[in-house]
């Protein structure tokens, strides 16, 4: 069994508390994941385990320290994601991924890609006018696109957001459903609303929708539209 001793330079006491977590819960999670033993006294951390585990834990701790000292508000799911990256030998890219966060001014919220593929997706949205994202449900396609759109709108880089998606599943018909067109298609557009309300206060979102600053429409209605200065 090998031993590793690290002297960590924390920005302030708040960074120290964020690094270790409540009752050192962050260290306990790292211990369980990598099969090591960690002892901390002040800013000195001692890790015992096999050499491969020590190398990964050192990479993890230094990446976490860098993020926290830069002011990132580390949450448990961020730590779990960072651990996964280190275990997949992508630990040196942790800060690169987190630095691509999407800032939402209305809620002072930072949304970060949770995988290298999501980072590539966010980079593509920043660099290209049209981006196609293909993947299974729950991989962040709609959510990240909405985050980018809201961020651009609130920073006044665009004047409006137009959200659209196919309004029916394959083989379904809308004609005999009750209600007007919005009442018919709203259930199909619900994922867009869910993402929107998660990023913008309800009253502000409703105001944007009422004024047409944010418009939600079925894909079939987009033919012939002019989308100048829109996301």
C-alpha atoms as a PDB file:
ATOM      1  CA  UNK A   1       0.000   0.000   0.000  1.00  0.00           C
ATOM      2  CA  UNK A   2       1.314   3.427  -1.002  1.00  0.00           C
ATOM      3  CA  UNK A   3       0.837   6.816   0.623  1.00  0.00           C
ATOM      4  CA  UNK A   4       0.203  10.254  -0.887  1.00  0.00           C
ATOM      5  CA  UNK A   5       0.372  13.559   1.007  1.00  0.00           C
ATOM      6  CA  UNK A   6      -1.048  16.736  -0.535  1.00  0.00           C
ATOM      7  CA  UNK A   7      -0.851  20.270   0.837  1.00  0.00           C
ATOM      8  CA  UNK A   8      -3.813  22.076  -0.696  1.00  0.00           C
ATOM      9  CA  UNK A   9      -3.936  25.843  -1.083  1.00  0.00           C
ATOM     10  CA  UNK A  10      -7.524  26.987  -0.490  1.00  0.00           C
ATOM     11  CA  UNK A  11      -8.720  30.430  -1.540  1.00  0.00           C
ATOM     12  CA  UNK A  12     -10.573  30.966   1.741  1.00  0.00           C
ATOM     13  CA  UNK A  13     -12.425  29.108   4.477  1.00  0.00           C
ATOM     14  CA  UNK A  14     -15.528  28.839   2.307  1.00  0.00           C
ATOM     15  CA  UNK A  15     -13.540  27.006  -0.355  1.00  0.00           C
ATOM     16  CA  UNK A  16     -12.166  24.686   2.333  1.00  0.00           C
ATOM     17  CA  UNK A  17     -15.678  23.785   3.533  1.00  0.00           C
ATOM     18  CA  UNK A  18     -16.944  23.293  -0.024  1.00  0.00           C
ATOM     19  CA  UNK A  19     -14.012  21.012  -0.839  1.00  0.00           C
ATOM     20  CA  UNK A  20     -14.472  18.625   2.075  1.00  0.00           C
ATOM     21  CA  UNK A  21     -18.262  18.815   2.279  1.00  0.00           C
ATOM     22  CA  UNK A  22     -20.426  18.554   5.376  1.00  0.00           C
ATOM     23  CA  UNK A  23     -18.795  16.137   7.827  1.00  0.00           C
ATOM     24  CA  UNK A  24     -16.228  15.396   5.101  1.00  0.00           C
ATOM     25  CA  UNK A  25     -18.896  13.643   3.032  1.00  0.00           C
ATOM     26  CA  UNK A  26     -16.998  14.389  -0.188  1.00  0.00           C
ATOM     27  CA  UNK A  27     -13.939  12.556   1.100  1.00  0.00           C
ATOM     28  CA  UNK A  28     -16.067   9.594   2.198  1.00  0.00           C
ATOM     29  CA  UNK A  29     -17.548   9.292  -1.288  1.00  0.00           C
ATOM     30  CA  UNK A  30     -14.069   9.358  -2.826  1.00  0.00           C
ATOM     31  CA  UNK A  31     -12.894   6.699  -0.367  1.00  0.00           C
ATOM     32  CA  UNK A  32     -15.771   4.381  -1.235  1.00  0.00           C
ATOM     33  CA  UNK A  33     -15.331   4.856  -4.967  1.00  0.00           C
ATOM     34  CA  UNK A  34     -11.572   4.360  -5.219  1.00  0.00           C
ATOM     35  CA  UNK A  35     -11.016   2.009  -2.297  1.00  0.00           C
ATOM     36  CA  UNK A  36      -8.595   4.338  -0.524  1.00  0.00           C
ATOM     37  CA  UNK A  37      -8.298   5.789   2.969  1.00  0.00           C
ATOM     38  CA  UNK A  38      -8.221   9.584   3.324  1.00  0.00           C
ATOM     39  CA  UNK A  39      -7.277  11.619   6.377  1.00  0.00           C
ATOM     40  CA  UNK A  40      -7.460  15.403   6.438  1.00  0.00           C
ATOM     41  CA  UNK A  41      -5.930  17.850   8.894  1.00  0.00           C
ATOM     42  CA  UNK A  42      -6.416  21.448   7.978  1.00  0.00           C
ATOM     43  CA  UNK A  43      -5.325  21.829   4.360  1.00  0.00           C
ATOM     44  CA  UNK A  44      -3.162  18.682   4.406  1.00  0.00           C
ATOM     45  CA  UNK A  45      -4.692  15.521   2.946  1.00  0.00           C
ATOM     46  CA  UNK A  46      -3.145  12.065   3.283  1.00  0.00           C
ATOM     47  CA  UNK A  47      -4.333   9.270   1.020  1.00  0.00           C
ATOM     48  CA  UNK A  48      -3.450   5.580   1.353  1.00  0.00           C
ATOM     49  CA  UNK A  49      -4.133   2.968  -1.322  1.00  0.00           C
ATOM     50  CA  UNK A  50      -2.649   1.255  -4.361  1.00  0.00           C
ATOM     51  CA  UNK A  51      -0.615   3.375  -6.764  1.00  0.00           C
ATOM     52  CA  UNK A  52      -3.207   3.499  -9.567  1.00  0.00           C
ATOM     53  CA  UNK A  53      -5.931   4.644  -7.173  1.00  0.00           C
ATOM     54  CA  UNK A  54      -3.606   7.268  -5.673  1.00  0.00           C
ATOM     55  CA  UNK A  55      -2.873   8.714  -9.105  1.00  0.00           C
ATOM     56  CA  UNK A  56      -6.571   9.017  -9.894  1.00  0.00           C
ATOM     57  CA  UNK A  57      -7.421  10.481  -6.495  1.00  0.00           C
ATOM     58  CA  UNK A  58      -4.638  13.050  -6.810  1.00  0.00           C
ATOM     59  CA  UNK A  59      -5.980  14.106 -10.218  1.00  0.00           C
ATOM     60  CA  UNK A  60      -9.495  14.301  -8.777  1.00  0.00           C
ATOM     61  CA  UNK A  61      -8.531  16.350  -5.719  1.00  0.00           C
ATOM     62  CA  UNK A  62      -6.475  18.835  -7.715  1.00  0.00           C
ATOM     63  CA  UNK A  63      -9.261  19.307 -10.279  1.00  0.00           C
ATOM     64  CA  UNK A  64     -11.835  19.822  -7.524  1.00  0.00           C
ATOM     65  CA  UNK A  65      -9.560  22.310  -5.751  1.00  0.00           C
ATOM     66  CA  UNK A  66      -9.102  24.302  -8.944  1.00  0.00           C
ATOM     67  CA  UNK A  67     -12.849  24.441  -9.588  1.00  0.00           C
ATOM     68  CA  UNK A  68     -13.714  25.487  -6.038  1.00  0.00           C
ATOM     69  CA  UNK A  69     -10.967  28.113  -5.859  1.00  0.00           C
ATOM     70  CA  UNK A  70     -12.372  29.578  -9.077  1.00  0.00           C
ATOM     71  CA  UNK A  71     -15.691  30.045  -7.281  1.00  0.00           C
ATOM     72  CA  UNK A  72     -17.607  27.075  -8.660  1.00  0.00           C
ATOM     73  CA  UNK A  73     -20.455  25.980  -6.371  1.00  0.00           C
ATOM     74  CA  UNK A  74     -19.742  22.250  -6.170  1.00  0.00           C
ATOM     75  CA  UNK A  75     -22.794  20.028  -5.694  1.00  0.00           C
ATOM     76  CA  UNK A  76     -22.897  16.308  -4.993  1.00  0.00           C
ATOM     77  CA  UNK A  77     -23.918  15.448  -8.552  1.00  0.00           C
ATOM     78  CA  UNK A  78     -20.980  17.534  -9.831  1.00  0.00           C
ATOM     79  CA  UNK A  79     -18.633  15.539  -7.635  1.00  0.00           C
ATOM     80  CA  UNK A  80     -20.138  12.280  -8.883  1.00  0.00           C
ATOM     81  CA  UNK A  81     -19.717  13.429 -12.482  1.00  0.00           C
ATOM     82  CA  UNK A  82     -16.100  14.434 -11.826  1.00  0.00           C
ATOM     83  CA  UNK A  83     -15.408  11.037 -10.284  1.00  0.00           C
ATOM     84  CA  UNK A  84     -16.824   9.332 -13.391  1.00  0.00           C
ATOM     85  CA  UNK A  85     -14.552  11.397 -15.614  1.00  0.00           C
ATOM     86  CA  UNK A  86     -11.501  10.485 -13.538  1.00  0.00           C
ATOM     87  CA  UNK A  87     -12.424   6.807 -13.554  1.00  0.00           C
ATOM     88  CA  UNK A  88     -12.703   6.993 -17.360  1.00  0.00           C
ATOM     89  CA  UNK A  89      -9.221   8.567 -17.436  1.00  0.00           C
ATOM     90  CA  UNK A  90     -10.563  11.926 -18.574  1.00  0.00           C
ATOM     91  CA  UNK A  91      -9.734  13.700 -15.320  1.00  0.00           C
ATOM     92  CA  UNK A  92      -7.433  16.273 -16.892  1.00  0.00           C
ATOM     93  CA  UNK A  93     -10.410  17.616 -18.866  1.00  0.00           C
ATOM     94  CA  UNK A  94     -12.689  18.197 -15.878  1.00  0.00           C
ATOM     95  CA  UNK A  95     -12.080  21.931 -15.648  1.00  0.00           C
ATOM     96  CA  UNK A  96     -12.375  22.276 -19.411  1.00  0.00           C
ATOM     97  CA  UNK A  97     -15.861  20.752 -19.279  1.00  0.00           C
ATOM     98  CA  UNK A  98     -17.024  22.809 -16.291  1.00  0.00           C
ATOM     99  CA  UNK A  99     -15.638  26.029 -17.767  1.00  0.00           C
ATOM    100  CA  UNK A 100     -18.211  25.724 -20.564  1.00  0.00           C
ATOM    101  CA  UNK A 101     -21.017  26.481 -18.136  1.00  0.00           C
ATOM    102  CA  UNK A 102     -24.090  28.362 -19.364  1.00  0.00           C
ATOM    103  CA  UNK A 103     -24.890  31.248 -17.025  1.00  0.00           C
ATOM    104  CA  UNK A 104     -28.571  32.091 -16.482  1.00  0.00           C
ATOM    105  CA  UNK A 105     -28.663  35.644 -15.007  1.00  0.00           C
ATOM    106  CA  UNK A 106     -32.291  35.526 -13.786  1.00  0.00           C
ATOM    107  CA  UNK A 107     -31.591  32.730 -11.304  1.00  0.00           C
ATOM    108  CA  UNK A 108     -27.820  33.262 -11.025  1.00  0.00           C
ATOM    109  CA  UNK A 109     -27.571  29.672 -12.141  1.00  0.00           C
ATOM    110  CA  UNK A 110     -24.685  27.951 -13.904  1.00  0.00           C
ATOM    111  CA  UNK A 111     -25.632  24.998 -16.061  1.00  0.00           C
ATOM    112  CA  UNK A 112     -22.667  22.871 -17.041  1.00  0.00           C
ATOM    113  CA  UNK A 113     -22.255  20.050 -19.568  1.00  0.00           C
ATOM    114  CA  UNK A 114     -22.203  16.714 -17.774  1.00  0.00           C
ATOM    115  CA  UNK A 115     -20.187  14.821 -20.367  1.00  0.00           C
ATOM    116  CA  UNK A 116     -17.703  15.503 -23.128  1.00  0.00           C
ATOM    117  CA  UNK A 117     -20.460  14.865 -25.665  1.00  0.00           C
ATOM    118  CA  UNK A 118     -22.609  17.544 -24.055  1.00  0.00           C
ATOM    119  CA  UNK A 119     -19.636  19.916 -24.155  1.00  0.00           C
ATOM    120  CA  UNK A 120     -19.253  19.266 -27.888  1.00  0.00           C
ATOM    121  CA  UNK A 121     -22.989  19.994 -28.260  1.00  0.00           C
ATOM    122  CA  UNK A 122     -22.758  23.316 -26.399  1.00  0.00           C
ATOM    123  CA  UNK A 123     -19.663  24.319 -28.407  1.00  0.00           C
ATOM    124  CA  UNK A 124     -21.507  23.532 -31.639  1.00  0.00           C
ATOM    125  CA  UNK A 125     -24.477  25.713 -30.611  1.00  0.00           C
ATOM    126  CA  UNK A 126     -22.071  28.582 -29.924  1.00  0.00           C
ATOM    127  CA  UNK A 127     -20.253  28.240 -33.231  1.00  0.00           C
ATOM    128  CA  UNK A 128     -22.891  27.258 -35.793  1.00  0.00           C
ATOM    129  CA  UNK A 129     -26.278  28.652 -36.869  1.00  0.00           C
ATOM    130  CA  UNK A 130     -27.884  25.220 -37.228  1.00  0.00           C
ATOM    131  CA  UNK A 131     -27.067  22.220 -35.037  1.00  0.00           C
ATOM    132  CA  UNK A 132     -28.579  18.728 -35.182  1.00  0.00           C
ATOM    133  CA  UNK A 133     -28.362  16.708 -31.962  1.00  0.00           C
ATOM    134  CA  UNK A 134     -29.251  13.023 -31.987  1.00  0.00           C
ATOM    135  CA  UNK A 135     -29.483  10.894 -28.869  1.00  0.00           C
ATOM    136  CA  UNK A 136     -31.811   8.968 -26.570  1.00  0.00           C
ATOM    137  CA  UNK A 137     -34.263  10.653 -24.237  1.00  0.00           C
ATOM    138  CA  UNK A 138     -32.775  12.194 -21.114  1.00  0.00           C
ATOM    139  CA  UNK A 139     -29.372  13.085 -22.556  1.00  0.00           C
ATOM    140  CA  UNK A 140     -29.856  16.869 -22.328  1.00  0.00           C
ATOM    141  CA  UNK A 141     -30.652  17.773 -25.929  1.00  0.00           C
ATOM    142  CA  UNK A 142     -33.665  19.962 -25.166  1.00  0.00           C
ATOM    143  CA  UNK A 143     -32.433  21.225 -21.795  1.00  0.00           C
ATOM    144  CA  UNK A 144     -29.036  22.455 -22.991  1.00  0.00           C
ATOM    145  CA  UNK A 145     -30.524  24.073 -26.082  1.00  0.00           C
ATOM    146  CA  UNK A 146     -33.035  25.885 -23.868  1.00  0.00           C
ATOM    147  CA  UNK A 147     -30.272  26.954 -21.481  1.00  0.00           C
ATOM    148  CA  UNK A 148     -28.290  28.454 -24.343  1.00  0.00           C
ATOM    149  CA  UNK A 149     -31.385  30.211 -25.686  1.00  0.00           C
ATOM    150  CA  UNK A 150     -32.361  31.718 -22.322  1.00  0.00           C
ATOM    151  CA  UNK A 151     -28.781  32.784 -21.627  1.00  0.00           C
ATOM    152  CA  UNK A 152     -28.552  34.565 -24.985  1.00  0.00           C
ATOM    153  CA  UNK A 153     -31.932  36.268 -24.476  1.00  0.00           C
ATOM    154  CA  UNK A 154     -31.208  37.526 -20.973  1.00  0.00           C
ATOM    155  CA  UNK A 155     -27.811  38.846 -22.115  1.00  0.00           C
ATOM    156  CA  UNK A 156     -29.613  40.614 -25.010  1.00  0.00           C
ATOM    157  CA  UNK A 157     -27.655  38.761 -27.658  1.00  0.00           C
ATOM    158  CA  UNK A 158     -30.965  37.837 -29.320  1.00  0.00           C
ATOM    159  CA  UNK A 159     -34.363  39.545 -29.271  1.00  0.00           C
ATOM    160  CA  UNK A 160     -36.590  36.500 -29.027  1.00  0.00           C
ATOM    161  CA  UNK A 161     -36.682  32.735 -28.669  1.00  0.00           C
ATOM    162  CA  UNK A 162     -38.767  30.502 -30.893  1.00  0.00           C
ATOM    163  CA  UNK A 163     -39.207  27.002 -29.488  1.00  0.00           C
ATOM    164  CA  UNK A 164     -40.535  24.339 -31.783  1.00  0.00           C
ATOM    165  CA  UNK A 165     -40.802  20.585 -32.012  1.00  0.00           C
ATOM    166  CA  UNK A 166     -42.984  18.068 -33.861  1.00  0.00           C
ATOM    167  CA  UNK A 167     -46.423  18.277 -32.289  1.00  0.00           C
ATOM    168  CA  UNK A 168     -47.525  14.682 -32.884  1.00  0.00           C
ATOM    169  CA  UNK A 169     -46.029  11.255 -32.520  1.00  0.00           C
ATOM    170  CA  UNK A 170     -45.743   9.064 -35.601  1.00  0.00           C
ATOM    171  CA  UNK A 171     -49.173   8.147 -36.954  1.00  0.00           C
ATOM    172  CA  UNK A 172     -51.180  10.385 -34.609  1.00  0.00           C
ATOM    173  CA  UNK A 173     -53.801  12.918 -35.752  1.00  0.00           C
ATOM    174  CA  UNK A 174     -54.674  16.201 -34.071  1.00  0.00           C
ATOM    175  CA  UNK A 175     -57.929  16.954 -35.885  1.00  0.00           C
ATOM    176  CA  UNK A 176     -60.365  15.243 -33.524  1.00  0.00           C
ATOM    177  CA  UNK A 177     -58.727  16.319 -30.272  1.00  0.00           C
ATOM    178  CA  UNK A 178     -60.787  18.893 -28.307  1.00  0.00           C
ATOM    179  CA  UNK A 179     -59.723  22.535 -28.008  1.00  0.00           C
ATOM    180  CA  UNK A 180     -57.920  25.085 -30.172  1.00  0.00           C
ATOM    181  CA  UNK A 181     -54.542  24.423 -31.748  1.00  0.00           C
ATOM    182  CA  UNK A 182     -52.538  25.503 -28.657  1.00  0.00           C
ATOM    183  CA  UNK A 183     -54.590  23.265 -26.387  1.00  0.00           C
ATOM    184  CA  UNK A 184     -54.045  20.392 -28.813  1.00  0.00           C
ATOM    185  CA  UNK A 185     -50.283  20.725 -29.094  1.00  0.00           C
ATOM    186  CA  UNK A 186     -49.413  21.813 -25.551  1.00  0.00           C
ATOM    187  CA  UNK A 187     -48.959  18.252 -24.222  1.00  0.00           C
ATOM    188  CA  UNK A 188     -46.376  17.602 -26.930  1.00  0.00           C
ATOM    189  CA  UNK A 189     -44.512  20.819 -26.120  1.00  0.00           C
ATOM    190  CA  UNK A 190     -44.445  20.229 -22.363  1.00  0.00           C
ATOM    191  CA  UNK A 191     -40.709  19.308 -22.235  1.00  0.00           C
ATOM    192  CA  UNK A 192     -39.913  22.777 -23.606  1.00  0.00           C
ATOM    193  CA  UNK A 193     -42.028  24.470 -20.942  1.00  0.00           C
ATOM    194  CA  UNK A 194     -40.498  22.315 -18.208  1.00  0.00           C
ATOM    195  CA  UNK A 195     -36.988  23.363 -19.206  1.00  0.00           C
ATOM    196  CA  UNK A 196     -38.023  27.025 -19.527  1.00  0.00           C
ATOM    197  CA  UNK A 197     -39.622  27.230 -16.060  1.00  0.00           C
ATOM    198  CA  UNK A 198     -36.569  25.573 -14.526  1.00  0.00           C
ATOM    199  CA  UNK A 199     -34.395  28.447 -15.762  1.00  0.00           C
ATOM    200  CA  UNK A 200     -36.657  31.515 -15.623  1.00  0.00           C
ATOM    201  CA  UNK A 201     -39.008  32.662 -12.858  1.00  0.00           C
ATOM    202  CA  UNK A 202     -42.591  31.721 -13.645  1.00  0.00           C
ATOM    203  CA  UNK A 203     -43.840  35.324 -13.804  1.00  0.00           C
ATOM    204  CA  UNK A 204     -41.013  36.404 -16.098  1.00  0.00           C
ATOM    205  CA  UNK A 205     -41.507  33.382 -18.351  1.00  0.00           C
ATOM    206  CA  UNK A 206     -45.247  34.099 -18.615  1.00  0.00           C
ATOM    207  CA  UNK A 207     -44.492  37.731 -19.450  1.00  0.00           C
ATOM    208  CA  UNK A 208     -42.085  36.669 -22.205  1.00  0.00           C
ATOM    209  CA  UNK A 209     -44.656  34.247 -23.614  1.00  0.00           C
ATOM    210  CA  UNK A 210     -47.470  36.817 -23.466  1.00  0.00           C
ATOM    211  CA  UNK A 211     -45.400  39.415 -25.334  1.00  0.00           C
ATOM    212  CA  UNK A 212     -44.153  36.920 -27.906  1.00  0.00           C
ATOM    213  CA  UNK A 213     -40.539  37.315 -26.797  1.00  0.00           C
ATOM    214  CA  UNK A 214     -40.597  33.571 -26.236  1.00  0.00           C
ATOM    215  CA  UNK A 215     -42.829  31.738 -28.688  1.00  0.00           C
ATOM    216  CA  UNK A 216     -43.692  28.050 -28.579  1.00  0.00           C
ATOM    217  CA  UNK A 217     -45.040  26.652 -31.836  1.00  0.00           C
ATOM    218  CA  UNK A 218     -45.487  23.311 -33.614  1.00  0.00           C
ATOM    219  CA  UNK A 219     -42.871  22.542 -36.255  1.00  0.00           C
ATOM    220  CA  UNK A 220     -45.563  22.432 -38.949  1.00  0.00           C
ATOM    221  CA  UNK A 221     -46.210  26.162 -38.397  1.00  0.00           C
ATOM    222  CA  UNK A 222     -42.607  27.215 -39.061  1.00  0.00           C
ATOM    223  CA  UNK A 223     -42.817  27.143 -42.861  1.00  0.00           C
ATOM    224  CA  UNK A 224     -42.172  30.619 -44.286  1.00  0.00           C
ATOM    225  CA  UNK A 225     -41.251  32.210 -40.932  1.00  0.00           C
ATOM    226  CA  UNK A 226     -38.624  34.978 -40.671  1.00  0.00           C
ATOM    227  CA  UNK A 227     -36.300  34.347 -37.735  1.00  0.00           C
ATOM    228  CA  UNK A 228     -34.028  37.403 -37.695  1.00  0.00           C
ATOM    229  CA  UNK A 229     -32.092  37.936 -34.449  1.00  0.00           C
ATOM    230  CA  UNK A 230     -33.805  34.926 -32.900  1.00  0.00           C
ATOM    231  CA  UNK A 231     -32.646  31.774 -31.180  1.00  0.00           C
END
